[in-house]
Amino acid sequence: MKDKVNSILLIILIFTMLTNLYLIFYYAPLEKVMGVVQKIFYFHVASAWIGFLALAVVFASNILYLRCGRKKWSQLSLASAEIGVVFISIVLITGPLWAKPVWNTWWTWDPRLTTTLILWFMYVAYLILHGGREKNEKRERLAAVYGIIAFINVPLVFFSIRWWRTIHPVVISTSGISITGEMLFTLLFSLATFTLLYVYLLKTRCRGIKLAYKIDLLKERIGGY
């Protein structure tokens, strides 16, 4: 039954991703100032959204793990953290690709960029601390506490453009990005598509982690005889 659900989800995901690419490159008009490079905007913003969503799941699942001690919450936090790091990496890659032709620089120590880079390092450290498949409850609890504390940087990244002087536009408007109804629809569709992608990746990765954990337990039992 689970395989059937995953297959249906994958088919829906492929359809939405193809539709999303059509909307980005054909339906949405060119931005009047930035031109074709603005198309990166849809991938950049959607990746940031998924990065934040994934890290929010890490935060919530770590709280549940510390509360009840069930292994599934630790596995969920690990899977979501891995996905979150991947999407934050995409943000850090697409950002400079967008910035160079628009701001004439690959990188600047802008508050949004700096806090995002720090966020990436913090969750890479979380993955290292978690230990992956190692069945060490003390280490997993320590990682859970760290994962909860690390989430403080997520709202810091989000509000950085409002709290400090930054080259990032605070709002999507004529003062930042001139956006039309077609652009807004494409952006919202991109957010929905990436969310569906996150759900599929999370389900797939959680299943992989659980299977790996069961295999390790089986090896231990066989080795004990």
Protein backbone atom coordinates (compact mmCIF):
# COMPACT_ATOMS: atom_id res chain seq x y z
CA MET A 1 0.00 0.00 0.00
CA LYS A 2 2.82 2.40 0.89
CA ASP A 3 4.57 1.62 -2.40
CA LYS A 4 1.37 2.45 -4.28
CA VAL A 5 0.97 5.76 -2.44
CA ASN A 6 4.61 6.65 -3.15
CA SER A 7 4.16 5.78 -6.84
CA ILE A 8 1.07 7.98 -7.11
CA LEU A 9 2.88 10.79 -5.29
CA LEU A 10 5.83 10.47 -7.66
CA ILE A 11 3.55 10.69 -10.73
CA ILE A 12 1.85 13.80 -9.34
CA LEU A 13 5.24 15.30 -8.51
CA ILE A 14 6.60 14.72 -12.03
CA PHE A 15 3.49 16.34 -13.54
CA THR A 16 3.67 19.38 -11.24
CA MET A 17 7.41 19.82 -11.81
CA LEU A 18 6.99 19.80 -15.59
CA THR A 19 4.10 22.24 -15.26
CA ASN A 20 6.18 24.42 -12.98
CA LEU A 21 9.03 24.54 -15.50
CA TYR A 22 6.56 25.58 -18.20
CA LEU A 23 5.18 28.35 -15.99
CA ILE A 24 8.65 29.62 -15.11
CA PHE A 25 10.16 29.68 -18.60
CA TYR A 26 7.12 30.29 -20.82
CA TYR A 27 4.12 31.56 -18.87
CA ALA A 28 5.72 34.07 -16.52
CA PRO A 29 6.83 37.24 -18.35
CA LEU A 30 10.34 38.63 -18.17
CA GLU A 31 10.98 41.07 -15.35
CA LYS A 32 11.35 44.54 -16.89
CA VAL A 33 14.69 45.38 -15.21
CA MET A 34 16.47 42.04 -14.62
CA GLY A 35 15.34 40.19 -17.70
CA VAL A 36 15.80 36.43 -17.99
CA VAL A 37 18.09 36.15 -14.94
CA GLN A 38 15.04 36.87 -12.77
CA LYS A 39 13.82 33.33 -13.54
CA ILE A 40 16.27 32.15 -10.84
CA PHE A 41 13.96 33.92 -8.39
CA TYR A 42 11.39 31.10 -8.51
CA PHE A 43 13.94 28.42 -7.65
CA HIS A 44 15.72 30.60 -5.09
CA VAL A 45 12.64 31.58 -3.09
CA ALA A 46 11.06 28.12 -3.28
CA SER A 47 14.32 26.50 -2.09
CA ALA A 48 14.51 28.95 0.82
CA TRP A 49 10.92 28.10 1.77
CA ILE A 50 11.65 24.36 1.76
CA GLY A 51 14.86 24.91 3.70
CA PHE A 52 12.95 26.75 6.44
CA LEU A 53 10.13 24.20 6.40
CA ALA A 54 12.56 21.29 6.71
CA LEU A 55 14.37 22.91 9.62
CA ALA A 56 11.04 23.65 11.33
CA VAL A 57 10.28 19.92 11.10
CA VAL A 58 13.71 19.22 12.62
CA PHE A 59 12.85 21.59 15.48
CA ALA A 60 9.44 20.00 16.16
CA SER A 61 10.60 16.39 15.81
CA ASN A 62 13.52 17.00 18.19
CA ILE A 63 11.13 18.33 20.81
CA LEU A 64 8.95 15.23 20.39
CA TYR A 65 12.00 12.96 20.61
CA LEU A 66 13.16 14.53 23.88
CA ARG A 67 9.62 14.31 25.22
CA CYS A 68 8.80 10.68 24.43
CA GLY A 69 12.12 9.16 23.34
CA ARG A 70 10.66 7.36 20.31
CA LYS A 71 13.24 6.52 17.67
CA LYS A 72 10.99 7.59 14.78
CA TRP A 73 11.23 11.26 15.79
CA SER A 74 15.02 11.14 15.81
CA GLN A 75 14.97 9.51 12.37
CA LEU A 76 12.51 12.13 11.09
CA SER A 77 14.71 14.96 12.35
CA LEU A 78 17.75 13.44 10.64
CA ALA A 79 15.94 12.98 7.32
CA SER A 80 14.48 16.49 7.37
CA ALA A 81 17.83 18.04 8.35
CA GLU A 82 19.53 16.35 5.40
CA ILE A 83 16.90 17.74 3.03
CA GLY A 84 17.08 21.15 4.67
CA VAL A 85 20.85 21.34 4.20
CA VAL A 86 20.46 20.42 0.52
CA PHE A 87 17.91 23.17 -0.10
CA ILE A 88 19.81 25.78 1.89
CA SER A 89 22.81 24.84 -0.28
CA ILE A 90 20.67 25.53 -3.36
CA VAL A 91 19.78 28.92 -1.89
CA LEU A 92 23.45 29.74 -1.39
CA ILE A 93 24.23 28.68 -4.97
CA THR A 94 21.32 30.38 -6.76
CA GLY A 95 21.76 33.56 -4.73
CA PRO A 96 25.18 34.48 -6.19
CA LEU A 97 24.03 33.39 -9.68
CA TRP A 98 21.20 35.91 -9.36
CA ALA A 99 23.29 38.57 -7.62
CA LYS A 100 26.17 38.79 -10.10
CA PRO A 101 24.24 40.25 -13.08
CA VAL A 102 21.89 42.28 -10.85
CA TRP A 103 24.21 43.64 -8.14
CA ASN A 104 27.51 43.13 -10.04
CA THR A 105 28.95 40.94 -7.28
CA TRP A 106 28.92 37.23 -6.51
CA TRP A 107 28.91 37.69 -2.76
CA THR A 108 28.68 40.41 -0.17
CA TRP A 109 28.50 40.10 3.59
CA ASP A 110 24.90 41.22 3.55
CA PRO A 111 22.99 40.30 6.76
CA ARG A 112 20.69 37.90 4.87
CA LEU A 113 23.60 36.17 3.12
CA THR A 114 25.75 35.99 6.25
CA THR A 115 23.02 34.58 8.50
CA THR A 116 22.06 32.04 5.81
CA LEU A 117 25.66 30.84 5.54
CA ILE A 118 25.86 30.53 9.33
CA LEU A 119 22.58 28.58 9.27
CA TRP A 120 24.06 26.16 6.72
CA PHE A 121 27.14 25.54 8.86
CA MET A 122 25.00 25.03 11.97
CA TYR A 123 22.93 22.28 10.39
CA VAL A 124 25.90 20.60 8.74
CA ALA A 125 27.27 20.41 12.29
CA TYR A 126 23.92 18.98 13.41
CA LEU A 127 24.20 16.17 10.86
CA ILE A 128 27.72 15.38 12.05
CA LEU A 129 26.65 15.47 15.70
CA HIS A 130 23.62 13.28 15.10
CA GLY A 131 25.86 10.47 13.91
CA GLY A 132 23.51 9.12 11.25
CA ARG A 133 22.82 5.43 11.75
CA GLU A 134 24.79 5.11 14.97
CA LYS A 135 22.52 3.88 17.75
CA ASN A 136 23.80 6.12 20.53
CA GLU A 137 20.90 7.52 22.55
CA LYS A 138 23.07 9.98 24.49
CA ARG A 139 24.47 11.39 21.26
CA GLU A 140 21.02 11.62 19.68
CA ARG A 141 19.65 13.49 22.70
CA LEU A 142 22.56 15.92 22.57
CA ALA A 143 21.92 16.42 18.85
CA ALA A 144 18.21 17.00 19.57
CA VAL A 145 19.03 19.76 22.07
CA TYR A 146 21.45 21.32 19.59
CA GLY A 147 18.84 21.08 16.80
CA ILE A 148 16.30 22.93 18.92
CA ILE A 149 18.76 25.70 19.79
CA ALA A 150 20.02 25.99 16.19
CA PHE A 151 16.51 26.78 14.98
CA ILE A 152 16.85 30.21 16.60
CA ASN A 153 18.83 31.25 13.52
CA VAL A 154 15.91 30.52 11.16
CA PRO A 155 13.77 33.54 12.21
CA LEU A 156 17.01 35.53 12.37
CA VAL A 157 17.60 34.83 8.68
CA PHE A 158 13.99 35.62 7.82
CA PHE A 159 13.84 38.96 9.67
CA SER A 160 17.40 40.06 8.87
CA ILE A 161 16.24 42.19 5.93
CA ARG A 162 13.87 44.05 8.27
CA TRP A 163 16.26 44.51 11.17
CA TRP A 164 19.41 45.58 9.31
CA ARG A 165 20.42 47.49 6.20
CA THR A 166 20.51 45.02 3.33
CA ILE A 167 20.59 44.80 -0.46
CA HIS A 168 17.71 42.33 -0.39
CA PRO A 169 14.28 43.84 -1.09
CA VAL A 170 12.02 43.76 1.98
CA VAL A 171 8.93 43.24 -0.14
CA ILE A 172 8.22 42.10 -3.67
CA SER A 173 7.09 45.36 -5.22
CA THR A 174 8.14 48.05 -7.63
CA SER A 175 10.90 49.00 -5.19
CA GLY A 176 12.38 45.51 -5.33
CA ILE A 177 11.05 43.13 -7.96
CA SER A 178 8.39 44.29 -10.37
CA ILE A 179 5.97 41.36 -10.20
CA THR A 180 2.83 40.73 -12.22
CA GLY A 181 -0.13 38.47 -11.57
CA GLU A 182 1.42 35.79 -13.79
CA MET A 183 4.68 36.01 -11.83
CA LEU A 184 2.86 35.73 -8.51
CA PHE A 185 0.91 32.69 -9.70
CA THR A 186 4.13 31.07 -10.90
CA LEU A 187 5.82 31.78 -7.58
CA LEU A 188 2.94 30.26 -5.61
CA PHE A 189 2.90 27.22 -7.90
CA SER A 190 6.66 26.86 -7.39
CA LEU A 191 6.21 26.93 -3.63
CA ALA A 192 3.53 24.24 -3.87
CA THR A 193 5.66 22.10 -6.21
CA PHE A 194 8.72 22.30 -3.98
CA THR A 195 6.58 21.48 -0.95
CA LEU A 196 5.36 18.34 -2.70
CA LEU A 197 8.97 17.52 -3.56
CA TYR A 198 9.91 17.91 0.09
CA VAL A 199 7.14 15.55 1.19
CA TYR A 200 8.26 12.92 -1.32
CA LEU A 201 11.94 13.24 -0.39
CA LEU A 202 11.10 13.12 3.32
CA LYS A 203 9.02 9.96 2.97
CA THR A 204 11.70 8.31 0.86
CA ARG A 205 14.59 9.29 3.13
CA CYS A 206 12.76 8.29 6.32
CA ARG A 207 12.07 4.90 4.81
CA GLY A 208 15.74 4.52 3.90
CA ILE A 209 16.92 5.47 7.39
CA LYS A 210 14.47 3.04 9.03
CA LEU A 211 15.55 0.19 6.76
CA ALA A 212 19.23 0.89 7.41
CA TYR A 213 18.55 0.94 11.15
CA LYS A 214 16.72 -2.42 10.99
CA ILE A 215 19.56 -3.95 8.96
CA ASP A 216 22.09 -2.81 11.57
CA LEU A 217 19.97 -4.31 14.36
CA LEU A 218 19.71 -7.57 12.43
CA LYS A 219 23.50 -7.67 11.94
CA GLU A 220 24.00 -7.14 15.65
CA ARG A 221 21.63 -9.98 16.53
CA ILE A 222 23.28 -12.34 14.05
CA GLY A 223 26.70 -11.37 15.37
CA GLY A 224 25.53 -12.04 18.93
CA TYR A 225 24.79 -15.67 18.26
